Amino acid sequence: MLKQIYGRLLAEYGAQGWWPVTKKEKPEYSGGPKTEKQQLEVIFGAILTQNTSWKNAEKAIIELNRRRLIDIDRMLEIHADKLALAIKSSGYFNQKAKKLKNVAALLKKHPLKELEKLEIKKLRLLLLSVEGIGPETADSIILYALRKPVFVVDTYTKRIFSRVGLIDKKRDYDDVQRFFHSKLKKDEKLFNEYHALIVEHAKRYCRKEPLCKNCIVNSFCKAAK
């Protein structure tokens, strides 16, 4: 059923081009990072989008680019108060300023080229050792910045697939992730696209108050019956 749902979502919405990265003035959905700077932007973006909308995180990313702060050394050098003001649009800006500095410190010690060579388990443990990075953020970094096959689980994932009847929404993050890993081929492009499509579908139909009548996957869904 997971593959059928994926096929229907892809046919309806098309390729999403995640994760958005800056080419000129602002992040664009163009197939993810192509340069180390864009990889770094994705990593910072994964932190900035915590507990806020992408629209708010995007404003902060634009400001970081304007101030030339998509740079490990400059991120470490800037005073936390100034950094917090630069990312104010993302919310929880004082905490996120600390998190950005924490991940910059990790990248100073373990450059991207080194992280790319690590197996996923070791890489994930290393990222989770950074204060302010939890499972969803770590996996977003692994999948979207480092292009390794790990399935990102978020609120939308639990909402959609618990309503469909494939998972229990009370299951923890790692348990839900294991379910997807056991049912799908471990493929970075598949995991990337599937998660992006899940987000798009949740925004359009599978909202907190679902719009089941016109939902394109309601034939699979127990909640719609």
C-alpha atoms as a PDB file:
ATOM      1  CA  MET A   1       0.000   0.000   0.000  1.00  0.00           C
ATOM      2  CA  LEU A   2       2.859   2.420   0.710  1.00  0.00           C
ATOM      3  CA  LYS A   3       4.013   2.158  -2.890  1.00  0.00           C
ATOM      4  CA  GLN A   4       0.473   2.667  -4.193  1.00  0.00           C
ATOM      5  CA  ILE A   5      -0.001   5.770  -2.082  1.00  0.00           C
ATOM      6  CA  TYR A   6       3.356   7.114  -3.233  1.00  0.00           C
ATOM      7  CA  GLY A   7       2.422   6.548  -6.871  1.00  0.00           C
ATOM      8  CA  ARG A   8      -0.876   8.335  -6.481  1.00  0.00           C
ATOM      9  CA  LEU A   9       0.700  11.316  -4.691  1.00  0.00           C
ATOM     10  CA  LEU A  10       3.456  11.619  -7.290  1.00  0.00           C
ATOM     11  CA  ALA A  11       0.978  11.444 -10.169  1.00  0.00           C
ATOM     12  CA  GLU A  12      -1.161  14.160  -8.593  1.00  0.00           C
ATOM     13  CA  TYR A  13       1.472  16.610  -7.336  1.00  0.00           C
ATOM     14  CA  GLY A  14       4.559  15.833  -9.416  1.00  0.00           C
ATOM     15  CA  ALA A  15       8.181  15.937  -8.269  1.00  0.00           C
ATOM     16  CA  GLN A  16       8.649  18.452  -5.470  1.00  0.00           C
ATOM     17  CA  GLY A  17      12.355  19.276  -5.921  1.00  0.00           C
ATOM     18  CA  TRP A  18      13.235  19.223  -2.242  1.00  0.00           C
ATOM     19  CA  TRP A  19      15.194  20.629  -0.340  1.00  0.00           C
ATOM     20  CA  PRO A  20      14.947  24.269  -1.469  1.00  0.00           C
ATOM     21  CA  VAL A  21      18.334  25.984  -1.775  1.00  0.00           C
ATOM     22  CA  THR A  22      19.449  29.467  -2.702  1.00  0.00           C
ATOM     23  CA  LYS A  23      20.763  30.058  -6.191  1.00  0.00           C
ATOM     24  CA  LYS A  24      20.199  33.799  -6.423  1.00  0.00           C
ATOM     25  CA  GLU A  25      18.026  35.683  -3.973  1.00  0.00           C
ATOM     26  CA  LYS A  26      16.017  33.071  -2.077  1.00  0.00           C
ATOM     27  CA  PRO A  27      15.661  29.288  -1.707  1.00  0.00           C
ATOM     28  CA  GLU A  28      14.200  27.502  -4.736  1.00  0.00           C
ATOM     29  CA  TYR A  29      12.805  23.982  -5.119  1.00  0.00           C
ATOM     30  CA  SER A  30      15.304  22.786  -7.680  1.00  0.00           C
ATOM     31  CA  GLY A  31      16.417  19.336  -6.567  1.00  0.00           C
ATOM     32  CA  GLY A  32      18.461  19.978  -3.455  1.00  0.00           C
ATOM     33  CA  PRO A  33      22.011  21.140  -2.750  1.00  0.00           C
ATOM     34  CA  LYS A  34      24.694  21.049  -5.433  1.00  0.00           C
ATOM     35  CA  THR A  35      27.511  22.844  -3.546  1.00  0.00           C
ATOM     36  CA  GLU A  36      28.953  22.711  -0.025  1.00  0.00           C
ATOM     37  CA  LYS A  37      27.474  26.137   0.702  1.00  0.00           C
ATOM     38  CA  GLN A  38      24.048  24.873  -0.290  1.00  0.00           C
ATOM     39  CA  GLN A  39      24.553  21.781   1.869  1.00  0.00           C
ATOM     40  CA  LEU A  40      25.362  24.061   4.784  1.00  0.00           C
ATOM     41  CA  GLU A  41      22.255  26.120   4.055  1.00  0.00           C
ATOM     42  CA  VAL A  42      20.159  22.944   4.229  1.00  0.00           C
ATOM     43  CA  ILE A  43      21.719  22.019   7.573  1.00  0.00           C
ATOM     44  CA  PHE A  44      21.027  25.471   9.001  1.00  0.00           C
ATOM     45  CA  GLY A  45      17.555  25.375   7.450  1.00  0.00           C
ATOM     46  CA  ALA A  46      16.742  22.078   9.160  1.00  0.00           C
ATOM     47  CA  ILE A  47      17.280  23.843  12.481  1.00  0.00           C
ATOM     48  CA  LEU A  48      15.491  27.051  11.504  1.00  0.00           C
ATOM     49  CA  THR A  49      12.356  25.184  10.424  1.00  0.00           C
ATOM     50  CA  GLN A  50      11.912  23.557  13.836  1.00  0.00           C
ATOM     51  CA  ASN A  51       8.510  24.457  15.296  1.00  0.00           C
ATOM     52  CA  THR A  52       7.678  26.967  12.586  1.00  0.00           C
ATOM     53  CA  SER A  53       6.496  27.194   8.998  1.00  0.00           C
ATOM     54  CA  TRP A  54       8.868  27.025   6.052  1.00  0.00           C
ATOM     55  CA  LYS A  55       7.847  30.590   5.165  1.00  0.00           C
ATOM     56  CA  ASN A  56       9.249  31.878   8.459  1.00  0.00           C
ATOM     57  CA  ALA A  57      12.388  29.754   8.190  1.00  0.00           C
ATOM     58  CA  GLU A  58      12.942  30.951   4.631  1.00  0.00           C
ATOM     59  CA  LYS A  59      12.998  34.592   5.759  1.00  0.00           C
ATOM     60  CA  ALA A  60      15.732  33.710   8.239  1.00  0.00           C
ATOM     61  CA  ILE A  61      17.740  31.861   5.559  1.00  0.00           C
ATOM     62  CA  ILE A  62      17.507  34.869   3.253  1.00  0.00           C
ATOM     63  CA  GLU A  63      18.812  37.061   6.071  1.00  0.00           C
ATOM     64  CA  LEU A  64      21.671  34.677   6.827  1.00  0.00           C
ATOM     65  CA  ASN A  65      22.663  34.781   3.169  1.00  0.00           C
ATOM     66  CA  ARG A  66      22.423  38.567   3.111  1.00  0.00           C
ATOM     67  CA  ARG A  67      24.788  38.744   6.072  1.00  0.00           C
ATOM     68  CA  ARG A  68      27.081  36.077   4.549  1.00  0.00           C
ATOM     69  CA  LEU A  69      26.494  33.787   7.526  1.00  0.00           C
ATOM     70  CA  ILE A  70      26.072  30.567   5.544  1.00  0.00           C
ATOM     71  CA  ASP A  71      29.668  29.986   6.501  1.00  0.00           C
ATOM     72  CA  ILE A  72      31.016  27.921   9.398  1.00  0.00           C
ATOM     73  CA  ASP A  73      33.686  30.369  10.564  1.00  0.00           C
ATOM     74  CA  ARG A  74      31.423  33.419  10.337  1.00  0.00           C
ATOM     75  CA  MET A  75      28.677  31.538  12.164  1.00  0.00           C
ATOM     76  CA  LEU A  76      31.081  30.741  14.987  1.00  0.00           C
ATOM     77  CA  GLU A  77      32.424  34.296  15.124  1.00  0.00           C
ATOM     78  CA  ILE A  78      29.156  36.244  15.249  1.00  0.00           C
ATOM     79  CA  HIS A  79      27.801  37.112  18.695  1.00  0.00           C
ATOM     80  CA  ALA A  80      24.787  35.008  19.637  1.00  0.00           C
ATOM     81  CA  ASP A  81      22.621  38.099  20.215  1.00  0.00           C
ATOM     82  CA  LYS A  82      23.292  39.424  16.706  1.00  0.00           C
ATOM     83  CA  LEU A  83      22.648  35.998  15.228  1.00  0.00           C
ATOM     84  CA  ALA A  84      19.360  35.741  17.111  1.00  0.00           C
ATOM     85  CA  LEU A  85      18.197  39.042  15.609  1.00  0.00           C
ATOM     86  CA  ALA A  86      19.107  37.848  12.124  1.00  0.00           C
ATOM     87  CA  ILE A  87      16.917  34.744  12.477  1.00  0.00           C
ATOM     88  CA  LYS A  88      14.090  36.357  14.456  1.00  0.00           C
ATOM     89  CA  SER A  89      11.466  35.442  11.839  1.00  0.00           C
ATOM     90  CA  SER A  90      11.966  31.725  12.555  1.00  0.00           C
ATOM     91  CA  GLY A  91      10.778  31.968  16.160  1.00  0.00           C
ATOM     92  CA  TYR A  92      12.554  30.639  19.258  1.00  0.00           C
ATOM     93  CA  PHE A  93      15.447  32.651  17.867  1.00  0.00           C
ATOM     94  CA  ASN A  94      17.641  32.715  20.980  1.00  0.00           C
ATOM     95  CA  GLN A  95      17.536  28.936  21.246  1.00  0.00           C
ATOM     96  CA  LYS A  96      18.021  28.479  17.513  1.00  0.00           C
ATOM     97  CA  ALA A  97      21.027  30.820  17.520  1.00  0.00           C
ATOM     98  CA  LYS A  98      22.672  28.487  20.034  1.00  0.00           C
ATOM     99  CA  LYS A  99      21.724  25.453  17.961  1.00  0.00           C
ATOM    100  CA  LEU A 100      23.211  26.979  14.799  1.00  0.00           C
ATOM    101  CA  LYS A 101      26.442  27.650  16.645  1.00  0.00           C
ATOM    102  CA  ASN A 102      26.447  24.117  18.039  1.00  0.00           C
ATOM    103  CA  VAL A 103      26.102  22.538  14.608  1.00  0.00           C
ATOM    104  CA  ALA A 104      28.706  24.936  13.184  1.00  0.00           C
ATOM    105  CA  ALA A 105      31.114  23.783  15.907  1.00  0.00           C
ATOM    106  CA  LEU A 106      30.464  20.170  14.939  1.00  0.00           C
ATOM    107  CA  LEU A 107      31.124  20.961  11.269  1.00  0.00           C
ATOM    108  CA  LYS A 108      34.310  22.778  12.159  1.00  0.00           C
ATOM    109  CA  LYS A 109      35.533  19.610  13.860  1.00  0.00           C
ATOM    110  CA  HIS A 110      33.974  17.208  11.343  1.00  0.00           C
ATOM    111  CA  PRO A 111      33.832  18.801   7.859  1.00  0.00           C
ATOM    112  CA  LEU A 112      31.093  17.860   5.403  1.00  0.00           C
ATOM    113  CA  LYS A 113      33.452  15.695   3.353  1.00  0.00           C
ATOM    114  CA  GLU A 114      34.177  13.656   6.456  1.00  0.00           C
ATOM    115  CA  LEU A 115      30.499  13.323   7.380  1.00  0.00           C
ATOM    116  CA  GLU A 116      29.661  12.140   3.866  1.00  0.00           C
ATOM    117  CA  LYS A 117      31.981   9.155   4.337  1.00  0.00           C
ATOM    118  CA  LEU A 118      30.330   7.969   7.570  1.00  0.00           C
ATOM    119  CA  GLU A 119      27.788   5.175   7.581  1.00  0.00           C
ATOM    120  CA  ILE A 120      24.288   6.366   8.470  1.00  0.00           C
ATOM    121  CA  LYS A 121      24.208   4.896  11.989  1.00  0.00           C
ATOM    122  CA  LYS A 122      27.440   6.610  13.053  1.00  0.00           C
ATOM    123  CA  LEU A 123      26.473   9.839  11.311  1.00  0.00           C
ATOM    124  CA  ARG A 124      23.095   9.900  13.038  1.00  0.00           C
ATOM    125  CA  LEU A 125      24.618   9.317  16.466  1.00  0.00           C
ATOM    126  CA  LEU A 126      27.099  12.121  15.860  1.00  0.00           C
ATOM    127  CA  LEU A 127      24.358  14.555  14.868  1.00  0.00           C
ATOM    128  CA  LEU A 128      22.173  13.517  17.797  1.00  0.00           C
ATOM    129  CA  SER A 129      25.072  14.291  20.140  1.00  0.00           C
ATOM    130  CA  VAL A 130      24.686  17.984  19.240  1.00  0.00           C
ATOM    131  CA  GLU A 131      22.483  19.892  21.669  1.00  0.00           C
ATOM    132  CA  GLY A 132      19.383  21.054  19.825  1.00  0.00           C
ATOM    133  CA  ILE A 133      19.328  18.325  17.185  1.00  0.00           C
ATOM    134  CA  GLY A 134      16.683  15.639  17.571  1.00  0.00           C
ATOM    135  CA  PRO A 135      15.804  12.676  15.349  1.00  0.00           C
ATOM    136  CA  GLU A 136      13.746  14.584  12.764  1.00  0.00           C
ATOM    137  CA  THR A 137      16.366  17.319  12.349  1.00  0.00           C
ATOM    138  CA  ALA A 138      19.208  14.794  12.221  1.00  0.00           C
ATOM    139  CA  ASP A 139      17.461  12.721   9.581  1.00  0.00           C
ATOM    140  CA  SER A 140      16.579  15.822   7.538  1.00  0.00           C
ATOM    141  CA  ILE A 141      20.278  16.709   7.499  1.00  0.00           C
ATOM    142  CA  ILE A 142      21.259  13.153   6.550  1.00  0.00           C
ATOM    143  CA  LEU A 143      18.680  12.884   3.768  1.00  0.00           C
ATOM    144  CA  TYR A 144      18.588  16.371   2.292  1.00  0.00           C
ATOM    145  CA  ALA A 145      22.084  17.738   2.928  1.00  0.00           C
ATOM    146  CA  LEU A 146      24.165  14.556   2.804  1.00  0.00           C
ATOM    147  CA  ARG A 147      21.912  12.572   0.441  1.00  0.00           C
ATOM    148  CA  LYS A 148      21.859   9.328   2.380  1.00  0.00           C
ATOM    149  CA  PRO A 149      18.776   7.068   2.492  1.00  0.00           C
ATOM    150  CA  VAL A 150      16.967   7.635   5.763  1.00  0.00           C
ATOM    151  CA  PHE A 151      13.216   8.222   6.015  1.00  0.00           C
ATOM    152  CA  VAL A 152      12.235  11.454   7.761  1.00  0.00           C
ATOM    153  CA  VAL A 153       9.238  11.134  10.067  1.00  0.00           C
ATOM    154  CA  ASP A 154       7.250  14.220  11.024  1.00  0.00           C
ATOM    155  CA  THR A 155       3.809  15.156  12.327  1.00  0.00           C
ATOM    156  CA  TYR A 156       2.358  14.922   8.833  1.00  0.00           C
ATOM    157  CA  THR A 157       3.703  11.379   8.373  1.00  0.00           C
ATOM    158  CA  LYS A 158       2.084  10.180  11.586  1.00  0.00           C
ATOM    159  CA  ARG A 159      -1.161  11.992  10.796  1.00  0.00           C
ATOM    160  CA  ILE A 160      -1.613  10.588   7.296  1.00  0.00           C
ATOM    161  CA  PHE A 161      -0.543   7.005   7.902  1.00  0.00           C
ATOM    162  CA  SER A 162      -2.356   6.631  11.220  1.00  0.00           C
ATOM    163  CA  ARG A 163      -5.540   7.778   9.474  1.00  0.00           C
ATOM    164  CA  VAL A 164      -4.894   5.355   6.643  1.00  0.00           C
ATOM    165  CA  GLY A 165      -4.507   2.672   9.296  1.00  0.00           C
ATOM    166  CA  LEU A 166      -0.926   1.593   8.643  1.00  0.00           C
ATOM    167  CA  ILE A 167       0.591   2.871  11.884  1.00  0.00           C
ATOM    168  CA  ASP A 168      -0.453   3.794  15.398  1.00  0.00           C
ATOM    169  CA  LYS A 169       0.034   7.544  15.932  1.00  0.00           C
ATOM    170  CA  LYS A 170       1.283   6.777  19.449  1.00  0.00           C
ATOM    171  CA  ARG A 171       4.303   4.884  18.093  1.00  0.00           C
ATOM    172  CA  ASP A 172       7.578   6.691  18.658  1.00  0.00           C
ATOM    173  CA  TYR A 173       9.760   8.221  15.960  1.00  0.00           C
ATOM    174  CA  ASP A 174      12.191   5.347  15.525  1.00  0.00           C
ATOM    175  CA  ASP A 175       9.398   2.768  15.457  1.00  0.00           C
ATOM    176  CA  VAL A 176       7.551   4.603  12.677  1.00  0.00           C
ATOM    177  CA  GLN A 177      10.797   5.038  10.763  1.00  0.00           C
ATOM    178  CA  ARG A 178      11.553   1.315  11.022  1.00  0.00           C
ATOM    179  CA  PHE A 179       8.134   0.608   9.519  1.00  0.00           C
ATOM    180  CA  PHE A 180       8.911   2.703   6.421  1.00  0.00           C
ATOM    181  CA  HIS A 181      12.414   1.252   6.133  1.00  0.00           C
ATOM    182  CA  SER A 182      10.999  -2.275   6.251  1.00  0.00           C
ATOM    183  CA  LYS A 183       8.411  -1.635   3.529  1.00  0.00           C
ATOM    184  CA  LEU A 184      10.317   0.538   1.053  1.00  0.00           C
ATOM    185  CA  LYS A 185      13.537   0.141  -0.886  1.00  0.00           C
ATOM    186  CA  LYS A 186      16.288   2.113   0.855  1.00  0.00           C
ATOM    187  CA  ASP A 187      16.713   4.772  -1.777  1.00  0.00           C
ATOM    188  CA  GLU A 188      17.635   8.402  -1.122  1.00  0.00           C
ATOM    189  CA  LYS A 189      15.629   9.783  -4.038  1.00  0.00           C
ATOM    190  CA  LEU A 190      12.534   7.776  -3.078  1.00  0.00           C
ATOM    191  CA  PHE A 191      12.709   8.842   0.574  1.00  0.00           C
ATOM    192  CA  ASN A 192      13.312  12.461  -0.438  1.00  0.00           C
ATOM    193  CA  GLU A 193      10.354  12.568  -2.795  1.00  0.00           C
ATOM    194  CA  TYR A 194       7.991  10.597  -0.574  1.00  0.00           C
ATOM    195  CA  HIS A 195       8.498  12.871   2.422  1.00  0.00           C
ATOM    196  CA  ALA A 196       8.036  15.981   0.287  1.00  0.00           C
ATOM    197  CA  LEU A 197       4.803  14.559  -1.145  1.00  0.00           C
ATOM    198  CA  ILE A 198       3.545  13.697   2.335  1.00  0.00           C
ATOM    199  CA  VAL A 199       4.011  17.325   3.378  1.00  0.00           C
ATOM    200  CA  GLU A 200       2.225  18.595   0.279  1.00  0.00           C
ATOM    201  CA  HIS A 201      -0.699  16.213   0.756  1.00  0.00           C
ATOM    202  CA  ALA A 202      -1.060  17.091   4.441  1.00  0.00           C
ATOM    203  CA  LYS A 203      -1.214  20.777   3.597  1.00  0.00           C
ATOM    204  CA  ARG A 204      -3.838  20.286   0.895  1.00  0.00           C
ATOM    205  CA  TYR A 205      -6.113  17.572   2.262  1.00  0.00           C
ATOM    206  CA  CYS A 206      -4.930  15.703   5.340  1.00  0.00           C
ATOM    207  CA  ARG A 207      -5.114  18.709   7.642  1.00  0.00           C
ATOM    208  CA  LYS A 208      -5.927  18.686  11.352  1.00  0.00           C
ATOM    209  CA  GLU A 209      -9.514  18.821  10.123  1.00  0.00           C
ATOM    210  CA  PRO A 210      -9.223  16.568   7.043  1.00  0.00           C
ATOM    211  CA  LEU A 211     -10.859  17.263   3.703  1.00  0.00           C
ATOM    212  CA  CYS A 212     -11.661  13.627   3.001  1.00  0.00           C
ATOM    213  CA  LYS A 213     -14.267  14.099   0.281  1.00  0.00           C
ATOM    214  CA  ASN A 214     -11.805  15.158  -2.433  1.00  0.00           C
ATOM    215  CA  CYS A 215      -8.716  13.447  -1.025  1.00  0.00           C
ATOM    216  CA  ILE A 216      -6.828  11.498  -3.681  1.00  0.00           C
ATOM    217  CA  VAL A 217      -5.920   8.654  -1.296  1.00  0.00           C
ATOM    218  CA  ASN A 218      -9.261   8.313   0.490  1.00  0.00           C
ATOM    219  CA  SER A 219      -9.806   4.890  -1.108  1.00  0.00           C
ATOM    220  CA  PHE A 220      -6.935   3.626   1.079  1.00  0.00           C
ATOM    221  CA  CYS A 221      -8.010   5.495   4.182  1.00  0.00           C
ATOM    222  CA  LYS A 222      -9.893   4.032   7.118  1.00  0.00           C
ATOM    223  CA  ALA A 223     -10.679   7.498   8.491  1.00  0.00           C
ATOM    224  CA  ALA A 224     -12.534   8.427   5.284  1.00  0.00           C
ATOM    225  CA  LYS A 225     -14.798   5.357   5.415  1.00  0.00           C
END
